[in-house]
Amino acid sequence: MCACNPPDWSTARTELCDLLATAGWPPALIADAELALHELFVNAWKHAGSSSPLVTLVLSPQLLRVSVSDDSPLLPEPRVPSDPLALSGRGLHLVQFLTHRFGAHLRKQGKVVWFELEVTA
């Protein structure tokens, strides 16, 4: 179970947005990356109980890879909410829609959930 107050993701968000803006990425892709990061960050807190998910940003000239690590060994699976008006249950579908690739893998302790976005010249 997670704490009542979500962890502060503002540093990760600012770093991501600044990194992509400095690299000249289009605002629409920056917004997609920001939303996808938010979904993974909140999932690490809400479903894995991580009070401080670790965010790693790797940028090459045409590719961004964002990874969010937590201590839970349970790999995420996109689910379909049984109620079409449900307030949650669509986050991984959103990440899948916004990004070019996403996935997850186990590590010695916990897991890493990641996505990649490509920019075209």
C-alpha atoms as a PDB file:
ATOM      1  CA  MET A   1       0.000   0.000   0.000  1.00  0.00           C
ATOM      2  CA  CYS A   2       1.234   3.503  -0.759  1.00  0.00           C
ATOM      3  CA  ALA A   3       1.453   6.572   1.413  1.00  0.00           C
ATOM      4  CA  CYS A   4      -1.330   9.139   1.254  1.00  0.00           C
ATOM      5  CA  ASN A   5       0.833  11.862  -0.233  1.00  0.00           C
ATOM      6  CA  PRO A   6       2.438  11.236  -3.620  1.00  0.00           C
ATOM      7  CA  PRO A   7       6.160  11.917  -3.994  1.00  0.00           C
ATOM      8  CA  ASP A   8       7.256  15.146  -5.638  1.00  0.00           C
ATOM      9  CA  TRP A   9       8.008  14.573  -9.295  1.00  0.00           C
ATOM     10  CA  SER A  10       8.710  18.211 -10.131  1.00  0.00           C
ATOM     11  CA  THR A  11      12.489  17.756 -10.348  1.00  0.00           C
ATOM     12  CA  ALA A  12      12.179  14.859 -12.806  1.00  0.00           C
ATOM     13  CA  ARG A  13       9.597  16.793 -14.820  1.00  0.00           C
ATOM     14  CA  THR A  14      11.725  19.940 -14.958  1.00  0.00           C
ATOM     15  CA  GLU A  15      14.860  17.994 -15.935  1.00  0.00           C
ATOM     16  CA  LEU A  16      12.982  16.179 -18.705  1.00  0.00           C
ATOM     17  CA  CYS A  17      11.385  19.317 -20.141  1.00  0.00           C
ATOM     18  CA  ASP A  18      14.609  21.337 -19.943  1.00  0.00           C
ATOM     19  CA  LEU A  19      16.639  18.548 -21.540  1.00  0.00           C
ATOM     20  CA  LEU A  20      14.274  18.177 -24.483  1.00  0.00           C
ATOM     21  CA  ALA A  21      13.737  21.926 -24.966  1.00  0.00           C
ATOM     22  CA  THR A  22      17.497  22.516 -25.004  1.00  0.00           C
ATOM     23  CA  ALA A  23      17.857  19.737 -27.587  1.00  0.00           C
ATOM     24  CA  GLY A  24      15.243  21.472 -29.767  1.00  0.00           C
ATOM     25  CA  TRP A  25      12.508  18.836 -29.516  1.00  0.00           C
ATOM     26  CA  PRO A  26       9.035  19.983 -30.610  1.00  0.00           C
ATOM     27  CA  PRO A  27       6.660  21.057 -27.826  1.00  0.00           C
ATOM     28  CA  ALA A  28       4.160  18.305 -28.688  1.00  0.00           C
ATOM     29  CA  LEU A  29       6.774  15.570 -28.158  1.00  0.00           C
ATOM     30  CA  ILE A  30       7.929  17.220 -24.933  1.00  0.00           C
ATOM     31  CA  ALA A  31       4.326  17.150 -23.704  1.00  0.00           C
ATOM     32  CA  ASP A  32       4.010  13.457 -24.674  1.00  0.00           C
ATOM     33  CA  ALA A  33       7.224  12.621 -22.801  1.00  0.00           C
ATOM     34  CA  GLU A  34       6.086  14.612 -19.774  1.00  0.00           C
ATOM     35  CA  LEU A  35       2.729  12.826 -19.593  1.00  0.00           C
ATOM     36  CA  ALA A  36       4.290   9.385 -20.109  1.00  0.00           C
ATOM     37  CA  LEU A  37       6.832  10.098 -17.347  1.00  0.00           C
ATOM     38  CA  HIS A  38       4.040  11.207 -15.039  1.00  0.00           C
ATOM     39  CA  GLU A  39       2.125   7.962 -15.637  1.00  0.00           C
ATOM     40  CA  LEU A  40       5.161   5.777 -14.886  1.00  0.00           C
ATOM     41  CA  PHE A  41       6.106   7.860 -11.849  1.00  0.00           C
ATOM     42  CA  VAL A  42       2.605   7.712 -10.365  1.00  0.00           C
ATOM     43  CA  ASN A  43       2.385   3.969 -11.077  1.00  0.00           C
ATOM     44  CA  ALA A  44       5.655   3.400  -9.197  1.00  0.00           C
ATOM     45  CA  TRP A  45       4.182   5.246  -6.213  1.00  0.00           C
ATOM     46  CA  LYS A  46       0.616   3.987  -6.370  1.00  0.00           C
ATOM     47  CA  HIS A  47       1.085   0.346  -7.368  1.00  0.00           C
ATOM     48  CA  ALA A  48       4.639  -0.400  -6.205  1.00  0.00           C
ATOM     49  CA  GLY A  49       4.520   1.651  -3.003  1.00  0.00           C
ATOM     50  CA  SER A  50       7.702   3.539  -3.852  1.00  0.00           C
ATOM     51  CA  SER A  51       8.055   6.755  -1.877  1.00  0.00           C
ATOM     52  CA  SER A  52      10.798   7.977  -4.216  1.00  0.00           C
ATOM     53  CA  PRO A  53      10.880   6.316  -7.638  1.00  0.00           C
ATOM     54  CA  LEU A  54      14.234   6.636  -9.398  1.00  0.00           C
ATOM     55  CA  VAL A  55      14.003   8.367 -12.784  1.00  0.00           C
ATOM     56  CA  THR A  56      16.751   8.003 -15.397  1.00  0.00           C
ATOM     57  CA  LEU A  57      16.806  10.097 -18.571  1.00  0.00           C
ATOM     58  CA  VAL A  58      19.024   9.183 -21.514  1.00  0.00           C
ATOM     59  CA  LEU A  59      19.022  11.382 -24.607  1.00  0.00           C
ATOM     60  CA  SER A  60      20.843  10.716 -27.850  1.00  0.00           C
ATOM     61  CA  PRO A  61      20.409  12.988 -30.880  1.00  0.00           C
ATOM     62  CA  GLN A  62      17.208  11.278 -32.068  1.00  0.00           C
ATOM     63  CA  LEU A  63      16.092   9.127 -29.118  1.00  0.00           C
ATOM     64  CA  LEU A  64      14.896   9.710 -25.566  1.00  0.00           C
ATOM     65  CA  ARG A  65      14.753   6.815 -23.110  1.00  0.00           C
ATOM     66  CA  VAL A  66      13.068   7.373 -19.751  1.00  0.00           C
ATOM     67  CA  SER A  67      13.258   4.722 -17.035  1.00  0.00           C
ATOM     68  CA  VAL A  68      11.451   4.657 -13.697  1.00  0.00           C
ATOM     69  CA  SER A  69      12.703   2.168 -11.110  1.00  0.00           C
ATOM     70  CA  ASP A  70      10.970   0.897  -7.992  1.00  0.00           C
ATOM     71  CA  ASP A  71      11.400  -1.948  -5.517  1.00  0.00           C
ATOM     72  CA  SER A  72       8.387  -4.040  -6.527  1.00  0.00           C
ATOM     73  CA  PRO A  73       9.097  -7.291  -8.407  1.00  0.00           C
ATOM     74  CA  LEU A  74       5.654  -7.218 -10.082  1.00  0.00           C
ATOM     75  CA  LEU A  75       5.818  -6.334 -13.757  1.00  0.00           C
ATOM     76  CA  PRO A  76       3.063  -3.999 -14.945  1.00  0.00           C
ATOM     77  CA  GLU A  77       0.405  -5.197 -17.347  1.00  0.00           C
ATOM     78  CA  PRO A  78      -1.963  -2.912 -19.222  1.00  0.00           C
ATOM     79  CA  ARG A  79      -5.519  -3.590 -18.102  1.00  0.00           C
ATOM     80  CA  VAL A  80      -8.915  -2.665 -19.361  1.00  0.00           C
ATOM     81  CA  PRO A  81     -11.136  -1.109 -16.699  1.00  0.00           C
ATOM     82  CA  SER A  82     -14.420  -2.966 -16.302  1.00  0.00           C
ATOM     83  CA  ASP A  83     -16.205   0.370 -15.944  1.00  0.00           C
ATOM     84  CA  PRO A  84     -15.806   2.649 -19.005  1.00  0.00           C
ATOM     85  CA  LEU A  85     -16.173   5.659 -16.690  1.00  0.00           C
ATOM     86  CA  ALA A  86     -13.486   4.454 -14.230  1.00  0.00           C
ATOM     87  CA  LEU A  87     -11.037   7.117 -13.112  1.00  0.00           C
ATOM     88  CA  SER A  88      -8.003   4.832 -13.396  1.00  0.00           C
ATOM     89  CA  GLY A  89      -6.721   1.822 -15.276  1.00  0.00           C
ATOM     90  CA  ARG A  90      -5.670   3.447 -18.537  1.00  0.00           C
ATOM     91  CA  GLY A  91      -2.178   4.718 -17.694  1.00  0.00           C
ATOM     92  CA  LEU A  92      -0.126   2.065 -19.462  1.00  0.00           C
ATOM     93  CA  HIS A  93      -2.371   2.279 -22.509  1.00  0.00           C
ATOM     94  CA  LEU A  94      -1.691   6.008 -22.534  1.00  0.00           C
ATOM     95  CA  VAL A  95       2.077   5.434 -22.290  1.00  0.00           C
ATOM     96  CA  GLN A  96       1.853   2.925 -25.131  1.00  0.00           C
ATOM     97  CA  PHE A  97      -0.089   5.411 -27.273  1.00  0.00           C
ATOM     98  CA  LEU A  98       2.203   8.402 -26.558  1.00  0.00           C
ATOM     99  CA  THR A  99       5.556   6.664 -27.058  1.00  0.00           C
ATOM    100  CA  HIS A 100       7.300   4.607 -29.713  1.00  0.00           C
ATOM    101  CA  ARG A 101       8.200   1.745 -27.377  1.00  0.00           C
ATOM    102  CA  PHE A 102       7.712   0.862 -23.752  1.00  0.00           C
ATOM    103  CA  GLY A 103       8.406  -2.108 -21.566  1.00  0.00           C
ATOM    104  CA  ALA A 104       9.603  -3.370 -18.221  1.00  0.00           C
ATOM    105  CA  HIS A 105      12.216  -5.710 -16.853  1.00  0.00           C
ATOM    106  CA  LEU A 106      13.161  -7.065 -13.475  1.00  0.00           C
ATOM    107  CA  ARG A 107      16.376  -6.106 -11.725  1.00  0.00           C
ATOM    108  CA  LYS A 108      18.064  -7.557  -8.652  1.00  0.00           C
ATOM    109  CA  GLN A 109      15.651  -5.681  -6.424  1.00  0.00           C
ATOM    110  CA  GLY A 110      12.444  -4.493  -8.065  1.00  0.00           C
ATOM    111  CA  LYS A 111      11.904  -3.469 -11.649  1.00  0.00           C
ATOM    112  CA  VAL A 112      12.449  -0.814 -14.267  1.00  0.00           C
ATOM    113  CA  VAL A 113       9.605   0.447 -16.455  1.00  0.00           C
ATOM    114  CA  TRP A 114      10.742   2.443 -19.465  1.00  0.00           C
ATOM    115  CA  PHE A 115       9.648   4.172 -22.643  1.00  0.00           C
ATOM    116  CA  GLU A 116      11.358   5.535 -25.722  1.00  0.00           C
ATOM    117  CA  LEU A 117      10.452   8.470 -27.944  1.00  0.00           C
ATOM    118  CA  GLU A 118      12.098   9.341 -31.229  1.00  0.00           C
ATOM    119  CA  VAL A 119      12.339  12.739 -32.839  1.00  0.00           C
ATOM    120  CA  THR A 120      12.602  13.068 -36.602  1.00  0.00           C
ATOM    121  CA  ALA A 121      14.401  15.954 -38.242  1.00  0.00           C
END
